[in-house]
Amino acid sequence: MKKLVCLAGCIASLFLVGCASTVQRVPMPDQSKGVEDSAKGRIYVMRATSFAGAVGVNITDNGVPIGSTGAGGYLCWEREPGDVIVAAAVENTSRVSLPVRPGSIHYIKQDMRMGIWTARTDLEVVDADSGTKILKQCKPAKVKLP
């Protein structure tokens, strides 16, 4: 009986855990413009799902920390043209490659699923139509520059 009460308490505490917020460690470009600096390309990482809401997922651009996504949030940054690997790390690491060109906009959808110890993540490059629809479901990151 004690084990059952303890298990029920643990499960109940999971419902009381707060959500991880989306925090960006690099400047966020003006969202009213397509691409703020036409010599650069823009990248969005969007996490529309509320699954694993208490888990923040670290995002990097070619190994450079960009921020962390929380449930229902997005990161947005502009970078120099070139081939880039965007990675998301939590229990696993998911990576996507992008050919960033001047003036280009790239949308990456982030999904979450059950893991062994915590959540696992998957990144997927989506087209502009899908990306703008997903983006409307998300809130921008809180920018906290180092």
C-alpha atoms as a PDB file:
ATOM      1  CA  MET A   1       0.000   0.000   0.000  1.00  0.00           C
ATOM      2  CA  LYS A   2       2.846   2.392   0.844  1.00  0.00           C
ATOM      3  CA  LYS A   3       4.413   1.744  -2.554  1.00  0.00           C
ATOM      4  CA  LEU A   4       1.120   2.497  -4.271  1.00  0.00           C
ATOM      5  CA  VAL A   5       0.721   5.783  -2.383  1.00  0.00           C
ATOM      6  CA  CYS A   6       4.325   6.729  -3.173  1.00  0.00           C
ATOM      7  CA  LEU A   7       3.837   5.917  -6.862  1.00  0.00           C
ATOM      8  CA  ALA A   8       0.607   7.917  -6.992  1.00  0.00           C
ATOM      9  CA  GLY A   9       2.396  10.864  -5.343  1.00  0.00           C
ATOM     10  CA  CYS A  10       5.194  10.723  -7.904  1.00  0.00           C
ATOM     11  CA  ILE A  11       2.743  10.647 -10.790  1.00  0.00           C
ATOM     12  CA  ALA A  12       0.743  13.521  -9.315  1.00  0.00           C
ATOM     13  CA  SER A  13       3.897  15.602  -8.902  1.00  0.00           C
ATOM     14  CA  LEU A  14       4.559  15.288 -12.633  1.00  0.00           C
ATOM     15  CA  PHE A  15       1.371  17.252 -13.278  1.00  0.00           C
ATOM     16  CA  LEU A  16       2.601  20.055 -11.029  1.00  0.00           C
ATOM     17  CA  VAL A  17       5.920  20.524 -12.805  1.00  0.00           C
ATOM     18  CA  GLY A  18       6.154  23.828 -14.651  1.00  0.00           C
ATOM     19  CA  CYS A  19       6.950  24.205 -18.310  1.00  0.00           C
ATOM     20  CA  ALA A  20      10.425  24.965 -19.556  1.00  0.00           C
ATOM     21  CA  SER A  21      10.562  28.360 -21.229  1.00  0.00           C
ATOM     22  CA  THR A  22      12.133  29.093 -24.594  1.00  0.00           C
ATOM     23  CA  VAL A  23      15.300  31.131 -24.127  1.00  0.00           C
ATOM     24  CA  GLN A  24      17.518  32.522 -26.886  1.00  0.00           C
ATOM     25  CA  ARG A  25      21.200  33.399 -26.305  1.00  0.00           C
ATOM     26  CA  VAL A  26      21.728  35.297 -29.582  1.00  0.00           C
ATOM     27  CA  PRO A  27      19.925  38.408 -30.870  1.00  0.00           C
ATOM     28  CA  MET A  28      16.464  37.822 -32.339  1.00  0.00           C
ATOM     29  CA  PRO A  29      15.914  39.546 -35.684  1.00  0.00           C
ATOM     30  CA  ASP A  30      12.961  41.865 -36.256  1.00  0.00           C
ATOM     31  CA  GLN A  31      10.006  39.541 -36.825  1.00  0.00           C
ATOM     32  CA  SER A  32       8.157  42.122 -38.937  1.00  0.00           C
ATOM     33  CA  LYS A  33      10.781  41.750 -41.699  1.00  0.00           C
ATOM     34  CA  GLY A  34      11.363  38.709 -43.901  1.00  0.00           C
ATOM     35  CA  VAL A  35      15.130  38.765 -43.372  1.00  0.00           C
ATOM     36  CA  GLU A  36      16.593  41.663 -41.418  1.00  0.00           C
ATOM     37  CA  ASP A  37      20.063  41.481 -43.031  1.00  0.00           C
ATOM     38  CA  SER A  38      19.703  40.514 -46.721  1.00  0.00           C
ATOM     39  CA  ALA A  39      23.286  39.200 -46.791  1.00  0.00           C
ATOM     40  CA  LYS A  40      22.296  36.520 -44.233  1.00  0.00           C
ATOM     41  CA  GLY A  41      19.771  33.702 -44.023  1.00  0.00           C
ATOM     42  CA  ARG A  42      17.168  33.195 -41.286  1.00  0.00           C
ATOM     43  CA  ILE A  43      16.518  29.985 -39.347  1.00  0.00           C
ATOM     44  CA  TYR A  44      13.505  29.131 -37.186  1.00  0.00           C
ATOM     45  CA  VAL A  45      13.334  26.164 -34.798  1.00  0.00           C
ATOM     46  CA  MET A  46       9.723  25.682 -33.689  1.00  0.00           C
ATOM     47  CA  ARG A  47       8.430  23.407 -30.940  1.00  0.00           C
ATOM     48  CA  ALA A  48       4.631  23.550 -31.174  1.00  0.00           C
ATOM     49  CA  THR A  49       4.035  20.443 -29.077  1.00  0.00           C
ATOM     50  CA  SER A  50       3.299  20.601 -25.349  1.00  0.00           C
ATOM     51  CA  PHE A  51       4.559  17.037 -24.787  1.00  0.00           C
ATOM     52  CA  ALA A  52       7.488  16.970 -22.320  1.00  0.00           C
ATOM     53  CA  GLY A  53       6.763  20.589 -21.442  1.00  0.00           C
ATOM     54  CA  ALA A  54       9.108  20.569 -18.451  1.00  0.00           C
ATOM     55  CA  VAL A  55      12.074  19.620 -20.650  1.00  0.00           C
ATOM     56  CA  GLY A  56      14.147  22.339 -22.298  1.00  0.00           C
ATOM     57  CA  VAL A  57      16.061  21.270 -25.414  1.00  0.00           C
ATOM     58  CA  ASN A  58      19.399  22.894 -26.262  1.00  0.00           C
ATOM     59  CA  ILE A  59      19.782  24.082 -29.860  1.00  0.00           C
ATOM     60  CA  THR A  60      23.096  24.731 -31.619  1.00  0.00           C
ATOM     61  CA  ASP A  61      24.145  26.090 -35.017  1.00  0.00           C
ATOM     62  CA  ASN A  62      27.367  24.337 -36.120  1.00  0.00           C
ATOM     63  CA  GLY A  63      28.126  23.774 -32.428  1.00  0.00           C
ATOM     64  CA  VAL A  64      27.418  27.388 -31.395  1.00  0.00           C
ATOM     65  CA  PRO A  65      24.725  27.574 -28.660  1.00  0.00           C
ATOM     66  CA  ILE A  66      21.597  29.407 -29.857  1.00  0.00           C
ATOM     67  CA  GLY A  67      19.250  28.746 -26.937  1.00  0.00           C
ATOM     68  CA  SER A  68      16.779  26.191 -25.660  1.00  0.00           C
ATOM     69  CA  THR A  69      13.247  25.434 -26.735  1.00  0.00           C
ATOM     70  CA  GLY A  70      10.344  24.910 -24.393  1.00  0.00           C
ATOM     71  CA  ALA A  71       6.825  23.774 -25.200  1.00  0.00           C
ATOM     72  CA  GLY A  72       5.076  26.094 -27.652  1.00  0.00           C
ATOM     73  CA  GLY A  73       8.098  28.290 -28.324  1.00  0.00           C
ATOM     74  CA  TYR A  74      10.438  29.131 -31.174  1.00  0.00           C
ATOM     75  CA  LEU A  75      13.982  30.345 -31.709  1.00  0.00           C
ATOM     76  CA  CYS A  76      14.932  32.603 -34.615  1.00  0.00           C
ATOM     77  CA  TRP A  77      18.338  33.850 -35.715  1.00  0.00           C
ATOM     78  CA  GLU A  78      20.162  35.028 -38.793  1.00  0.00           C
ATOM     79  CA  ARG A  79      23.549  33.741 -39.879  1.00  0.00           C
ATOM     80  CA  GLU A  80      26.114  34.039 -42.640  1.00  0.00           C
ATOM     81  CA  PRO A  81      25.504  31.908 -45.757  1.00  0.00           C
ATOM     82  CA  GLY A  82      26.944  28.412 -45.914  1.00  0.00           C
ATOM     83  CA  ASP A  83      26.169  24.858 -44.993  1.00  0.00           C
ATOM     84  CA  VAL A  84      24.955  24.541 -41.423  1.00  0.00           C
ATOM     85  CA  ILE A  85      24.066  21.731 -39.063  1.00  0.00           C
ATOM     86  CA  VAL A  86      21.361  22.624 -36.557  1.00  0.00           C
ATOM     87  CA  ALA A  87      21.303  20.214 -33.612  1.00  0.00           C
ATOM     88  CA  ALA A  88      18.897  19.635 -30.732  1.00  0.00           C
ATOM     89  CA  ALA A  89      20.212  17.814 -27.668  1.00  0.00           C
ATOM     90  CA  VAL A  90      18.326  16.281 -24.751  1.00  0.00           C
ATOM     91  CA  GLU A  91      18.399  12.506 -24.119  1.00  0.00           C
ATOM     92  CA  ASN A  92      19.438  12.135 -27.757  1.00  0.00           C
ATOM     93  CA  THR A  93      20.845  14.496 -30.372  1.00  0.00           C
ATOM     94  CA  SER A  94      18.922  15.186 -33.579  1.00  0.00           C
ATOM     95  CA  ARG A  95      20.580  17.036 -36.468  1.00  0.00           C
ATOM     96  CA  VAL A  96      19.492  18.587 -39.760  1.00  0.00           C
ATOM     97  CA  SER A  97      21.649  20.106 -42.510  1.00  0.00           C
ATOM     98  CA  LEU A  98      20.710  23.325 -44.283  1.00  0.00           C
ATOM     99  CA  PRO A  99      22.242  25.197 -47.238  1.00  0.00           C
ATOM    100  CA  VAL A 100      21.790  28.766 -45.937  1.00  0.00           C
ATOM    101  CA  ARG A 101      21.844  31.345 -48.738  1.00  0.00           C
ATOM    102  CA  PRO A 102      21.524  35.164 -48.600  1.00  0.00           C
ATOM    103  CA  GLY A 103      17.900  36.130 -47.973  1.00  0.00           C
ATOM    104  CA  SER A 104      16.747  32.528 -47.388  1.00  0.00           C
ATOM    105  CA  ILE A 105      14.381  31.508 -44.606  1.00  0.00           C
ATOM    106  CA  HIS A 106      14.477  27.976 -43.174  1.00  0.00           C
ATOM    107  CA  TYR A 107      11.873  26.374 -40.916  1.00  0.00           C
ATOM    108  CA  ILE A 108      12.706  23.453 -38.638  1.00  0.00           C
ATOM    109  CA  LYS A 109       9.928  21.635 -36.796  1.00  0.00           C
ATOM    110  CA  GLN A 110      10.914  20.054 -33.504  1.00  0.00           C
ATOM    111  CA  ASP A 111       8.955  17.065 -32.195  1.00  0.00           C
ATOM    112  CA  MET A 112       9.230  15.397 -28.801  1.00  0.00           C
ATOM    113  CA  ARG A 113       8.643  11.773 -27.828  1.00  0.00           C
ATOM    114  CA  MET A 114       9.142   9.440 -24.905  1.00  0.00           C
ATOM    115  CA  GLY A 115      12.683   8.483 -24.030  1.00  0.00           C
ATOM    116  CA  ILE A 116      14.184   6.068 -21.551  1.00  0.00           C
ATOM    117  CA  TRP A 117      15.128   8.635 -18.890  1.00  0.00           C
ATOM    118  CA  THR A 118      13.626  11.822 -20.222  1.00  0.00           C
ATOM    119  CA  ALA A 119      12.230  13.023 -23.551  1.00  0.00           C
ATOM    120  CA  ARG A 120      13.775  12.518 -26.979  1.00  0.00           C
ATOM    121  CA  THR A 121      13.680  15.024 -29.803  1.00  0.00           C
ATOM    122  CA  ASP A 122      13.472  14.958 -33.583  1.00  0.00           C
ATOM    123  CA  LEU A 123      14.173  17.828 -35.987  1.00  0.00           C
ATOM    124  CA  GLU A 124      12.624  18.054 -39.437  1.00  0.00           C
ATOM    125  CA  VAL A 125      13.062  20.717 -42.115  1.00  0.00           C
ATOM    126  CA  VAL A 126       9.629  21.791 -43.370  1.00  0.00           C
ATOM    127  CA  ASP A 127       8.542  23.937 -46.316  1.00  0.00           C
ATOM    128  CA  ALA A 128       7.592  27.614 -45.951  1.00  0.00           C
ATOM    129  CA  ASP A 129       3.817  26.960 -45.953  1.00  0.00           C
ATOM    130  CA  SER A 130       4.042  24.387 -43.154  1.00  0.00           C
ATOM    131  CA  GLY A 131       6.626  26.467 -41.310  1.00  0.00           C
ATOM    132  CA  THR A 132       4.544  29.644 -41.219  1.00  0.00           C
ATOM    133  CA  LYS A 133       1.510  27.670 -39.984  1.00  0.00           C
ATOM    134  CA  ILE A 134       3.530  26.067 -37.179  1.00  0.00           C
ATOM    135  CA  LEU A 135       5.133  29.418 -36.326  1.00  0.00           C
ATOM    136  CA  LYS A 136       1.686  30.954 -35.689  1.00  0.00           C
ATOM    137  CA  GLN A 137       1.127  28.338 -32.956  1.00  0.00           C
ATOM    138  CA  CYS A 138       4.325  29.302 -31.115  1.00  0.00           C
ATOM    139  CA  LYS A 139       5.605  32.165 -28.975  1.00  0.00           C
ATOM    140  CA  PRO A 140       8.969  33.859 -29.536  1.00  0.00           C
ATOM    141  CA  ALA A 141      11.859  33.083 -27.204  1.00  0.00           C
ATOM    142  CA  LYS A 142      12.856  35.311 -24.325  1.00  0.00           C
ATOM    143  CA  VAL A 143      16.204  36.762 -25.360  1.00  0.00           C
ATOM    144  CA  LYS A 144      18.891  36.567 -22.672  1.00  0.00           C
ATOM    145  CA  LEU A 145      22.202  37.647 -24.130  1.00  0.00           C
ATOM    146  CA  PRO A 146      25.371  36.508 -22.347  1.00  0.00           C
END
